Structure formats: structure tokens, C-alpha cells
Protein backbone atom coordinates (compact mmCIF):
# COMPACT_ATOMS: atom_id res chain seq x y z
CA MET A 1 1.42 -27.73 44.83
CA THR A 2 0.60 -24.16 45.83
CA PHE A 3 0.46 -21.11 43.63
CA THR A 4 1.45 -17.62 44.64
CA ALA A 5 -0.78 -14.85 43.38
CA ILE A 6 1.12 -12.47 41.12
CA ALA A 7 -0.31 -9.06 40.36
CA PRO A 8 0.07 -7.62 36.84
CA LYS A 9 2.72 -4.91 36.56
CA THR A 10 0.77 -2.92 34.00
CA THR A 11 -2.88 -2.12 34.73
CA LEU A 12 -5.72 -0.42 32.92
CA ASP A 13 -7.15 2.79 34.25
CA GLU A 14 -10.31 1.73 36.11
CA THR A 15 -12.47 4.39 34.46
CA TYR A 16 -11.30 3.32 31.02
CA ARG A 17 -11.87 -0.35 31.80
CA LEU A 18 -15.42 0.22 32.98
CA LYS A 19 -16.28 2.24 29.88
CA LEU A 20 -15.14 -0.46 27.44
CA GLN A 21 -18.03 -1.66 25.28
CA PRO A 22 -18.41 -4.57 22.86
CA LEU A 23 -16.94 -3.75 19.47
CA GLU A 24 -19.04 -1.70 17.07
CA MET A 25 -17.85 -0.51 13.66
CA PRO A 26 -19.57 1.65 11.03
CA GLU A 27 -21.24 0.12 7.97
CA ARG A 28 -19.43 1.44 4.88
CA LEU A 29 -19.93 0.93 1.18
CA LEU A 30 -16.36 0.11 0.13
CA MET A 31 -15.92 1.38 -3.42
CA GLY A 32 -12.18 1.94 -3.24
CA ALA A 33 -9.15 -0.13 -4.17
CA GLY A 34 -9.91 -2.76 -1.54
CA PRO A 35 -11.08 -4.26 0.62
CA SER A 36 -14.53 -4.63 -0.90
CA ASN A 37 -17.54 -5.41 1.23
CA ALA A 38 -17.62 -9.05 2.22
CA ASP A 39 -20.63 -11.04 1.09
CA PRO A 40 -22.95 -11.62 4.09
CA ARG A 41 -22.87 -15.37 3.36
CA VAL A 42 -19.09 -15.31 3.73
CA ILE A 43 -19.36 -13.54 7.09
CA ALA A 44 -21.95 -16.11 8.19
CA ALA A 45 -19.61 -18.95 7.22
CA MET A 46 -16.82 -17.44 9.32
CA ASP A 47 -19.14 -16.99 12.31
CA ARG A 48 -18.78 -20.52 13.64
CA GLN A 49 -16.44 -22.25 16.02
CA PRO A 50 -13.03 -23.30 14.64
CA ILE A 51 -12.02 -26.94 14.47
CA GLY A 52 -8.51 -28.36 14.50
CA HIS A 53 -6.35 -27.73 11.45
CA LEU A 54 -5.68 -31.49 11.17
CA ASP A 55 -9.28 -32.50 11.83
CA PRO A 56 -10.54 -34.82 9.05
CA GLU A 57 -13.34 -32.38 8.28
CA TYR A 58 -10.87 -29.52 7.94
CA LEU A 59 -8.65 -31.61 5.66
CA ARG A 60 -11.72 -32.23 3.49
CA LEU A 61 -12.34 -28.48 3.44
CA MET A 62 -8.76 -27.89 2.30
CA ASP A 63 -9.35 -30.22 -0.65
CA GLU A 64 -12.44 -28.22 -1.61
CA VAL A 65 -10.64 -24.88 -1.37
CA GLN A 66 -7.82 -26.12 -3.61
CA LYS A 67 -10.23 -27.48 -6.20
CA LEU A 68 -12.23 -24.25 -6.25
CA LEU A 69 -9.10 -22.11 -6.51
CA ARG A 70 -7.97 -24.12 -9.53
CA TYR A 71 -11.34 -23.43 -11.12
CA ALA A 72 -11.13 -19.70 -10.36
CA TRP A 73 -7.68 -19.46 -11.93
CA GLN A 74 -8.33 -22.00 -14.68
CA THR A 75 -5.33 -24.14 -13.79
CA HIS A 76 -4.45 -27.75 -13.00
CA ASN A 77 -1.49 -26.73 -10.82
CA PHE A 78 -1.33 -29.21 -7.95
CA MET A 79 0.33 -26.66 -5.67
CA THR A 80 -2.58 -24.23 -5.51
CA TYR A 81 -3.56 -23.20 -2.00
CA PRO A 82 -4.21 -20.14 0.21
CA VAL A 83 -1.33 -18.50 2.05
CA PRO A 84 -2.15 -17.30 5.58
CA GLY A 85 -1.77 -13.54 5.28
CA THR A 86 -2.83 -10.72 3.01
CA GLY A 87 -2.02 -10.48 -0.69
CA SER A 88 1.45 -9.14 0.00
CA ALA A 89 2.29 -12.38 1.81
CA ALA A 90 1.30 -14.39 -1.27
CA MET A 91 3.31 -11.96 -3.41
CA GLU A 92 6.31 -12.58 -1.21
CA ALA A 93 5.77 -16.35 -1.41
CA THR A 94 6.27 -16.31 -5.18
CA LEU A 95 9.63 -14.56 -4.87
CA ALA A 96 10.80 -16.35 -1.72
CA ASN A 97 10.42 -19.74 -3.37
CA THR A 98 11.95 -18.90 -6.76
CA VAL A 99 14.67 -16.31 -6.19
CA GLU A 100 18.11 -17.37 -4.99
CA PRO A 101 20.96 -14.93 -4.30
CA GLY A 102 22.37 -13.75 -7.61
CA ASP A 103 19.38 -14.79 -9.76
CA VAL A 104 18.54 -12.19 -12.38
CA VAL A 105 14.97 -11.06 -11.78
CA LEU A 106 13.31 -8.81 -14.34
CA VAL A 107 10.33 -6.82 -13.03
CA ALA A 108 7.96 -5.07 -15.43
CA VAL A 109 7.06 -1.88 -13.54
CA LYS A 110 4.07 0.18 -14.59
CA GLY A 111 2.74 1.19 -11.18
CA TYR A 112 3.09 1.07 -7.42
CA PHE A 113 2.86 -2.70 -7.05
CA GLY A 114 5.50 -3.37 -9.66
CA LYS A 115 7.80 -1.38 -7.41
CA ARG A 116 6.81 -3.57 -4.47
CA LEU A 117 7.91 -6.63 -6.45
CA VAL A 118 11.27 -4.92 -7.02
CA ASP A 119 11.69 -4.28 -3.29
CA MET A 120 10.85 -7.86 -2.34
CA ALA A 121 13.09 -9.40 -5.01
CA HIS A 122 16.04 -7.33 -3.71
CA ARG A 123 15.44 -8.64 -0.19
CA TYR A 124 15.86 -12.23 -1.40
CA GLY A 125 19.21 -11.41 -2.98
CA GLY A 126 18.02 -11.16 -6.57
CA ASP A 127 20.01 -9.30 -9.19
CA VAL A 128 17.01 -7.13 -9.96
CA ARG A 129 16.56 -5.42 -13.31
CA THR A 130 13.52 -3.45 -14.46
CA ILE A 131 11.64 -2.52 -17.57
CA GLU A 132 9.45 0.49 -16.92
CA ALA A 133 6.37 1.97 -18.56
CA ASP A 134 4.41 5.11 -17.75
CA TRP A 135 1.86 4.62 -15.00
CA GLY A 136 -1.46 4.07 -16.76
CA SER A 137 0.05 2.26 -19.76
CA VAL A 138 0.81 -1.40 -20.62
CA PHE A 139 3.76 -3.34 -21.97
CA SER A 140 3.85 -4.56 -25.55
CA LEU A 141 5.18 -7.99 -26.45
CA PRO A 142 8.11 -6.52 -28.48
CA GLU A 143 9.13 -4.37 -25.49
CA LEU A 144 9.14 -7.40 -23.22
CA ARG A 145 11.03 -9.50 -25.75
CA GLU A 146 13.76 -6.85 -26.02
CA ALA A 147 14.12 -6.63 -22.24
CA ILE A 148 14.18 -10.40 -21.70
CA ALA A 149 16.72 -10.87 -24.50
CA ALA A 150 18.91 -8.17 -22.97
CA HIS A 151 18.76 -9.31 -19.33
CA ARG A 152 18.24 -13.09 -19.69
CA PRO A 153 16.39 -13.34 -16.36
CA LYS A 154 15.54 -16.48 -14.47
CA VAL A 155 12.29 -14.84 -13.40
CA LEU A 156 10.00 -12.26 -15.00
CA ALA A 157 7.52 -10.71 -12.55
CA MET A 158 4.65 -8.50 -13.62
CA VAL A 159 1.24 -7.24 -12.55
CA HIS A 160 -1.87 -8.32 -14.42
CA ALA A 161 -4.23 -5.82 -12.80
CA GLU A 162 -2.27 -2.83 -11.51
CA THR A 163 -4.24 -1.63 -8.48
CA SER A 164 -2.54 1.77 -8.40
CA THR A 165 -3.64 2.74 -11.93
CA GLY A 166 -6.55 0.53 -13.02
CA VAL A 167 -4.61 -0.96 -15.95
CA LEU A 168 -5.23 -4.49 -17.23
CA GLN A 169 -2.10 -5.93 -18.86
CA PRO A 170 -2.73 -8.05 -21.99
CA MET A 171 -1.09 -11.44 -21.44
CA GLU A 172 -1.21 -13.04 -24.89
CA GLY A 173 2.20 -14.39 -25.90
CA ILE A 174 4.09 -13.44 -22.73
CA GLY A 175 4.14 -16.97 -21.34
CA ASP A 176 5.41 -18.33 -24.66
CA LEU A 177 8.12 -15.67 -24.63
CA CYS A 178 9.23 -16.75 -21.14
CA ARG A 179 9.35 -20.40 -22.24
CA GLU A 180 11.46 -19.40 -25.24
CA PHE A 181 14.02 -17.76 -22.93
CA ASP A 182 13.64 -20.38 -20.17
CA CYS A 183 12.53 -18.03 -17.41
CA LEU A 184 9.68 -18.34 -14.94
CA LEU A 185 6.70 -15.98 -15.16
CA ILE A 186 5.18 -14.54 -11.97
CA LEU A 187 1.79 -12.81 -12.26
CA ASP A 188 0.02 -10.55 -9.75
CA THR A 189 -3.74 -11.17 -10.02
CA VAL A 190 -4.70 -9.37 -6.80
CA THR A 191 -7.32 -7.14 -8.43
CA SER A 192 -8.40 -9.48 -11.22
CA LEU A 193 -9.05 -12.92 -9.70
CA GLY A 194 -12.75 -13.74 -9.67
CA CYS A 195 -13.72 -10.76 -11.82
CA VAL A 196 -11.66 -10.79 -15.02
CA PRO A 197 -10.81 -13.69 -17.36
CA ILE A 198 -7.62 -15.43 -16.20
CA PHE A 199 -6.20 -18.62 -17.70
CA LEU A 200 -3.05 -19.58 -15.81
CA ASP A 201 -2.42 -22.76 -17.79
CA ASP A 202 -3.21 -21.36 -21.25
CA TRP A 203 -1.12 -18.26 -20.53
CA LYS A 204 1.75 -20.43 -19.22
CA ILE A 205 1.96 -18.63 -15.88
CA ASP A 206 4.40 -20.30 -13.48
CA LEU A 207 3.44 -18.55 -10.25
CA ALA A 208 0.40 -16.47 -9.42
CA TYR A 209 -0.97 -14.83 -6.32
CA SER A 210 -4.04 -12.90 -5.30
CA CYS A 211 -5.98 -11.88 -2.19
CA SER A 212 -9.30 -12.65 -0.53
CA GLN A 213 -10.70 -9.15 -0.01
CA LYS A 214 -11.29 -7.84 -3.52
CA GLY A 215 -13.01 -9.82 -6.25
CA LEU A 216 -13.72 -12.73 -3.91
CA SER A 217 -15.45 -10.46 -1.34
CA CYS A 218 -13.99 -12.21 1.69
CA PRO A 219 -12.28 -10.33 4.55
CA PRO A 220 -8.51 -9.84 4.20
CA GLY A 221 -6.15 -12.35 5.75
CA ILE A 222 -5.90 -15.36 3.45
CA SER A 223 -4.42 -15.22 -0.05
CA PRO A 224 -4.52 -17.56 -3.06
CA PHE A 225 -1.19 -18.83 -4.40
CA SER A 226 -0.40 -21.16 -7.30
CA MET A 227 2.84 -22.75 -8.47
CA SER A 228 3.45 -24.69 -11.69
CA ASP A 229 5.54 -27.83 -12.11
CA ARG A 230 8.27 -25.69 -13.73
CA ALA A 231 8.40 -23.47 -10.65
CA ILE A 232 8.49 -26.48 -8.34
CA GLU A 233 11.39 -27.88 -10.37
CA LYS A 234 13.38 -24.68 -9.81
CA LEU A 235 12.53 -24.81 -6.12
CA ASP A 236 13.76 -28.41 -5.90
CA GLN A 237 17.03 -27.47 -7.58
CA ARG A 238 17.88 -24.67 -5.15
CA THR A 239 21.35 -24.70 -3.65
CA THR A 240 20.24 -22.49 -0.76
CA PRO A 241 17.22 -22.92 1.51
CA VAL A 242 14.19 -20.68 1.04
CA ALA A 243 14.95 -17.66 3.20
CA ASN A 244 11.37 -17.38 4.50
CA TRP A 245 10.48 -20.43 6.62
CA TYR A 246 6.78 -19.60 6.88
CA LEU A 247 6.30 -19.32 3.10
CA ASP A 248 8.63 -22.15 2.06
CA ASN A 249 6.69 -24.32 -0.39
CA SER A 250 9.03 -27.26 0.10
CA LEU A 251 7.60 -27.40 3.65
CA LEU A 252 4.07 -26.20 2.93
CA ARG A 253 3.46 -28.77 0.20
CA LYS A 254 3.69 -31.45 2.87
CA TYR A 255 0.66 -29.77 4.46
CA TRP A 256 -1.22 -28.80 1.31
CA GLY A 257 -0.07 -31.91 -0.57
CA GLY A 258 -1.16 -35.50 -0.01
CA GLU A 259 0.64 -35.93 3.31
CA ARG A 260 -1.21 -33.20 5.22
CA THR A 261 1.74 -33.00 7.62
CA TYR A 262 1.60 -30.27 10.26
CA HIS A 263 3.41 -27.05 9.36
CA HIS A 264 1.58 -24.24 11.11
CA THR A 265 -1.75 -23.56 12.78
CA ALA A 266 -3.98 -22.69 9.86
CA PRO A 267 -6.37 -19.69 9.98
CA VAL A 268 -9.39 -21.97 10.24
CA ASN A 269 -12.17 -19.38 10.16
CA MET A 270 -10.54 -17.51 7.31
CA THR A 271 -10.53 -20.79 5.39
CA TYR A 272 -14.25 -21.12 6.11
CA GLY A 273 -14.77 -17.67 4.61
CA LEU A 274 -12.62 -18.30 1.56
CA ARG A 275 -14.34 -21.60 0.87
CA GLU A 276 -17.75 -19.89 0.95
CA ALA A 277 -16.52 -17.06 -1.28
CA LEU A 278 -15.26 -19.59 -3.80
CA ARG A 279 -18.51 -21.57 -3.54
CA LEU A 280 -20.43 -18.41 -4.45
CA LEU A 281 -18.10 -17.89 -7.41
CA ALA A 282 -18.73 -21.45 -8.60
CA GLU A 283 -22.48 -21.06 -8.07
CA GLU A 284 -22.58 -17.93 -10.25
CA GLY A 285 -20.14 -19.36 -12.77
CA LEU A 286 -16.96 -17.74 -14.02
CA GLU A 287 -18.37 -16.53 -17.33
CA ALA A 288 -21.38 -14.90 -15.65
CA ARG A 289 -19.13 -13.33 -13.01
CA TRP A 290 -16.79 -11.91 -15.63
CA GLN A 291 -19.70 -10.51 -17.63
CA ARG A 292 -21.29 -8.93 -14.56
CA HIS A 293 -18.13 -7.02 -13.77
CA GLN A 294 -17.69 -5.86 -17.35
CA SER A 295 -21.31 -4.67 -17.62
CA ASN A 296 -21.18 -2.74 -14.35
CA ALA A 297 -17.82 -1.20 -15.28
CA ILE A 298 -19.31 0.06 -18.54
CA LYS A 299 -22.22 1.51 -16.56
CA LEU A 300 -19.78 3.26 -14.21
CA TRP A 301 -17.67 4.65 -17.05
CA ALA A 302 -20.74 6.07 -18.81
CA GLY A 303 -21.93 7.67 -15.58
CA LEU A 304 -18.55 9.25 -14.91
CA GLU A 305 -18.50 10.69 -18.41
CA GLU A 306 -21.95 12.24 -17.87
CA LEU A 307 -20.56 13.93 -14.76
CA GLY A 308 -17.69 15.38 -16.79
CA LEU A 309 -15.11 13.15 -15.10
CA GLU A 310 -12.29 11.65 -17.16
CA CYS A 311 -10.85 8.16 -16.74
CA MET A 312 -7.07 7.99 -16.83
CA VAL A 313 -6.66 4.66 -18.66
CA PRO A 314 -7.70 4.13 -22.31
CA VAL A 315 -10.82 1.97 -22.47
CA GLU A 316 -9.06 -0.92 -24.23
CA PHE A 317 -6.70 -1.37 -21.25
CA ARG A 318 -9.14 -0.40 -18.51
CA LEU A 319 -9.62 -2.76 -15.58
CA PRO A 320 -13.31 -3.57 -14.95
CA THR A 321 -12.75 -3.89 -11.20
CA LEU A 322 -10.94 -0.62 -10.58
CA THR A 323 -11.21 2.70 -12.41
CA SER A 324 -8.75 5.56 -12.02
CA VAL A 325 -10.53 8.91 -12.36
CA LYS A 326 -8.68 12.17 -12.91
CA VAL A 327 -9.36 14.66 -10.12
CA PRO A 328 -10.83 17.86 -11.62
CA ASP A 329 -8.71 20.99 -11.38
CA GLY A 330 -9.21 22.91 -8.17
CA ILE A 331 -10.42 19.97 -6.07
CA ASP A 332 -8.53 18.52 -3.14
CA ALA A 333 -8.67 14.75 -3.77
CA LYS A 334 -8.27 13.77 -0.13
CA ALA A 335 -10.83 16.28 1.18
CA PHE A 336 -13.36 15.00 -1.34
CA GLN A 337 -12.65 11.40 -0.34
CA LEU A 338 -13.10 12.19 3.36
CA HIS A 339 -16.41 13.94 2.64
CA LEU A 340 -17.79 10.83 0.95
CA LEU A 341 -16.67 8.72 3.89
CA ARG A 342 -17.97 10.96 6.66
CA GLU A 343 -21.19 12.19 5.08
CA HIS A 344 -22.24 9.23 2.93
CA ASN A 345 -20.42 6.19 4.40
CA ILE A 346 -18.82 5.53 1.02
CA GLU A 347 -15.10 4.85 0.64
CA ILE A 348 -13.21 5.54 -2.57
CA GLY A 349 -9.45 5.42 -3.00
CA VAL A 350 -6.94 8.15 -3.76
CA GLY A 351 -3.77 7.98 -5.81
CA LEU A 352 -0.55 6.30 -4.71
CA GLY A 353 3.03 7.33 -5.46
CA VAL A 354 3.34 9.65 -8.44
CA LEU A 355 -0.45 9.73 -8.76
CA ALA A 356 -1.10 11.01 -5.21
CA GLY A 357 -3.60 13.86 -5.36
CA LYS A 358 -4.15 13.35 -9.09
CA ILE A 359 -6.67 10.50 -9.25
CA TRP A 360 -9.44 8.79 -7.36
CA ARG A 361 -9.59 5.00 -7.54
CA ILE A 362 -13.09 3.57 -7.71
CA GLY A 363 -13.49 -0.16 -7.16
CA ILE A 364 -16.50 -2.27 -8.11
CA MET A 365 -15.49 -5.77 -7.12
CA GLY A 366 -17.29 -8.95 -6.16
CA ALA A 367 -20.29 -8.22 -3.94
CA ASN A 368 -20.05 -4.51 -4.85
CA SER A 369 -20.29 -4.98 -8.60
CA TYR A 370 -24.04 -4.46 -8.92
CA ALA A 371 -25.99 -1.77 -10.75
CA GLU A 372 -27.68 -0.37 -7.63
CA LYS A 373 -24.34 0.22 -5.91
CA VAL A 374 -22.91 1.90 -9.00
CA ASP A 375 -26.02 4.12 -9.13
CA ARG A 376 -25.65 5.05 -5.47
CA LEU A 377 -22.02 6.04 -5.92
CA LEU A 378 -22.73 8.07 -9.06
CA ALA A 379 -25.56 9.92 -7.32
CA VAL A 380 -23.30 10.83 -4.38
CA LEU A 381 -20.51 11.94 -6.74
CA ALA A 382 -22.95 14.14 -8.66
CA GLU A 383 -24.31 15.73 -5.48
CA SER A 384 -20.86 16.32 -3.97
CA LEU A 385 -19.43 17.84 -7.15
CA ALA A 386 -22.45 20.15 -7.45
CA GLN A 387 -21.93 21.28 -3.87
CA GLY A 388 -18.31 22.14 -4.60
CA VAL A 389 -16.96 19.65 -2.05
CA GLY A 390 -13.17 19.76 -1.80
CA ARG A 391 -12.78 23.05 -3.66
CA LYS A 392 -9.42 24.60 -2.84
């Protein structure tokens, strides 16, 4: 057999091609809404050759990841595994598997990511209703009871740690309320997993999702997902197929369940990284990890107060991993953020949606929740404010 040489139809400019260099990226201190800096041990774990996604050693690794995720979430849910994709993919997996066309879905919206749940639920044909609270506030149990009684949803979806505002939603009694009205409870733990107490089983959460790049300090691209027996029962009773093939748990559980039947090519190196991140969590211990984040958050809040900066969320509902700070009058929030990035290699977040230009979002998560990093950020904030950075 002979082969005929075929020239490419699109070529690179020769000067450009010759100037291409190996990839180099700046070293930043990521103190925004995510990602956080990855732990060096996680990066080291990812820096090895992949093996096959059905290799016996990889299947053993999958078992470890599932066991460690159950520990992190405090659950016995058998269907607990990482979704290939960022946190939004895991968010979509909860809705794709539970929402059929015409199902009433009640979304508790108190920030930007509650609205994302609304958008996704619509796309799966849900009859979407909302209960809304001011951004920066939380829902009370009586408010939720009234809304559930009025709408009788099959699914209630809400955010535990609202990344757009820095609010931590109290969860006591909400799971019992959903059981009383026979609806499933979906919980977004994207900015709380690994940093804030979470008890999926005790709280009676039916589906939960998170991400790798915040409290777990792993690069983005693989996202924890958990599904209770109640949620699996609803999935099994569907009269229509799950509209998203890639996220369909009825298929994926053959891969993540006992059969380990091929479904897709798994992100092997991302699984290496997640396993190491979860190992570090187990090594530190959940209680110690939770306490570390709370202590460093208190340190941050005290430092911000000394600088004359005001936190948006009342302290009793304030998220230890992410603090929303009111931008002082006369300062351009974006210009100030860019100054920190360009001059100090520090990233902080700005406001989303209705809070654009009104707040900064400061994250201290995972490998970044240490006193010396909080001190460095506070020193740079003090210097920049004194210099009048961002003054309009």
C-alpha cells in the first residue's frame, strides 16, 4: 500500500511558529471566588503518565475517591463520584437526572448561582417556580415551608454557600421539610465542601454537587456529585430518558457502580489530583480543616474592619471561605482588582449580577486558608487603599 503526501490547507506563519516557546504562566495568589491555588502535592500527583480508565489500578483508585468523597460529605450514598467537568457540569447532573418535562421545580434564589439553577431546570423542561430573597440574606424555614406548601414541587434546589454573596444558608430542618412534602432536595456545596461542616445524610440531602478547585485545592475539571437512594428511585421511575447522555446516572452507575462497565474515557490525571486532594483532607481531618477555615476567616474579618472596610453579610450567616466586602465610595472596584493582579500578583473577585461594582469577593479556601496568606492580602489592601488606587 502506498500513501500520497497531503499538505495541510491551513498553515502557521513561519515567524510565529519559530517564536513559539514552551508554556509559561505567572504565579498568582488566588484570593478570589475560585479557583484557589492548587496544593503542590496535588500538582505533583497529576504530573505522571495516565493509565487506562479500566486498568485494575485505576479501578482501585476510583474506589478510593468514592470512599474519600463520602467522608468529605459525611454520607453513605453509594452513588457518590466525580463528574468529568467543572462544578457547573455537576450542577447540571443533579437536574438532568431528576427533572422530567412538566415536573414542578422550586428554586430558592438568593444570588447568582440560584439563577443558574433556574436556567438549567428550564432547559430540562421543568415547570420552574422560585422563592427569592435579597442577595446577601438567607431563607428561613417558615418561608421555605410556605413556598413548598404553595407549589408542591417534586424538587427543591438551593445553594448552601452562595459564591456571589458569601452567604452560608442554615440547613437545619429543610431536609425534614422536603420529606414531609415528598420532594427531593438538591444542594449546591461548590464553595463549602472541604471547608465548612456538611452532613448530607443528617440533613437529608438527596443530591449534592461541588467542584475541585475551591476548598479541595485541586485544578478545575472534575466535580464531586452525590445521589441518595430516594433520588435514584425517582430516576428509575422516569417515563422519559435523561436528556443529557453524558451525565445520565443510569448509565454512569454502571461505571461507578460494581460493574465498572465502560461509559466514557475518564479524566485520569484529574482523578489523580482529586484523590490526592481528598487524601490531604483526610490526613488533616474534617474537624481540623473546618476549624482552620473558621479561624482564618475571623482573622480576615478583623483585619478588614481595621482597614475601615465593611463586610456585606451579617457575621452569623457569613461564609468562612468567601467574604463579600463593600467597595468604598469613590473607588472603581475593577480598577482596584486589576491593580492587585498586575502589581502584586494577587487575584480577588468582583461582584456579579446586581452586585457588579459594589463588592469585592475575597476567598480563603483550602491551601490558601492560612494566616500568612491572609496577612499578605491585608497588607496589600492597606497599602493600595492608602495610595488611593482605583479612585474615580
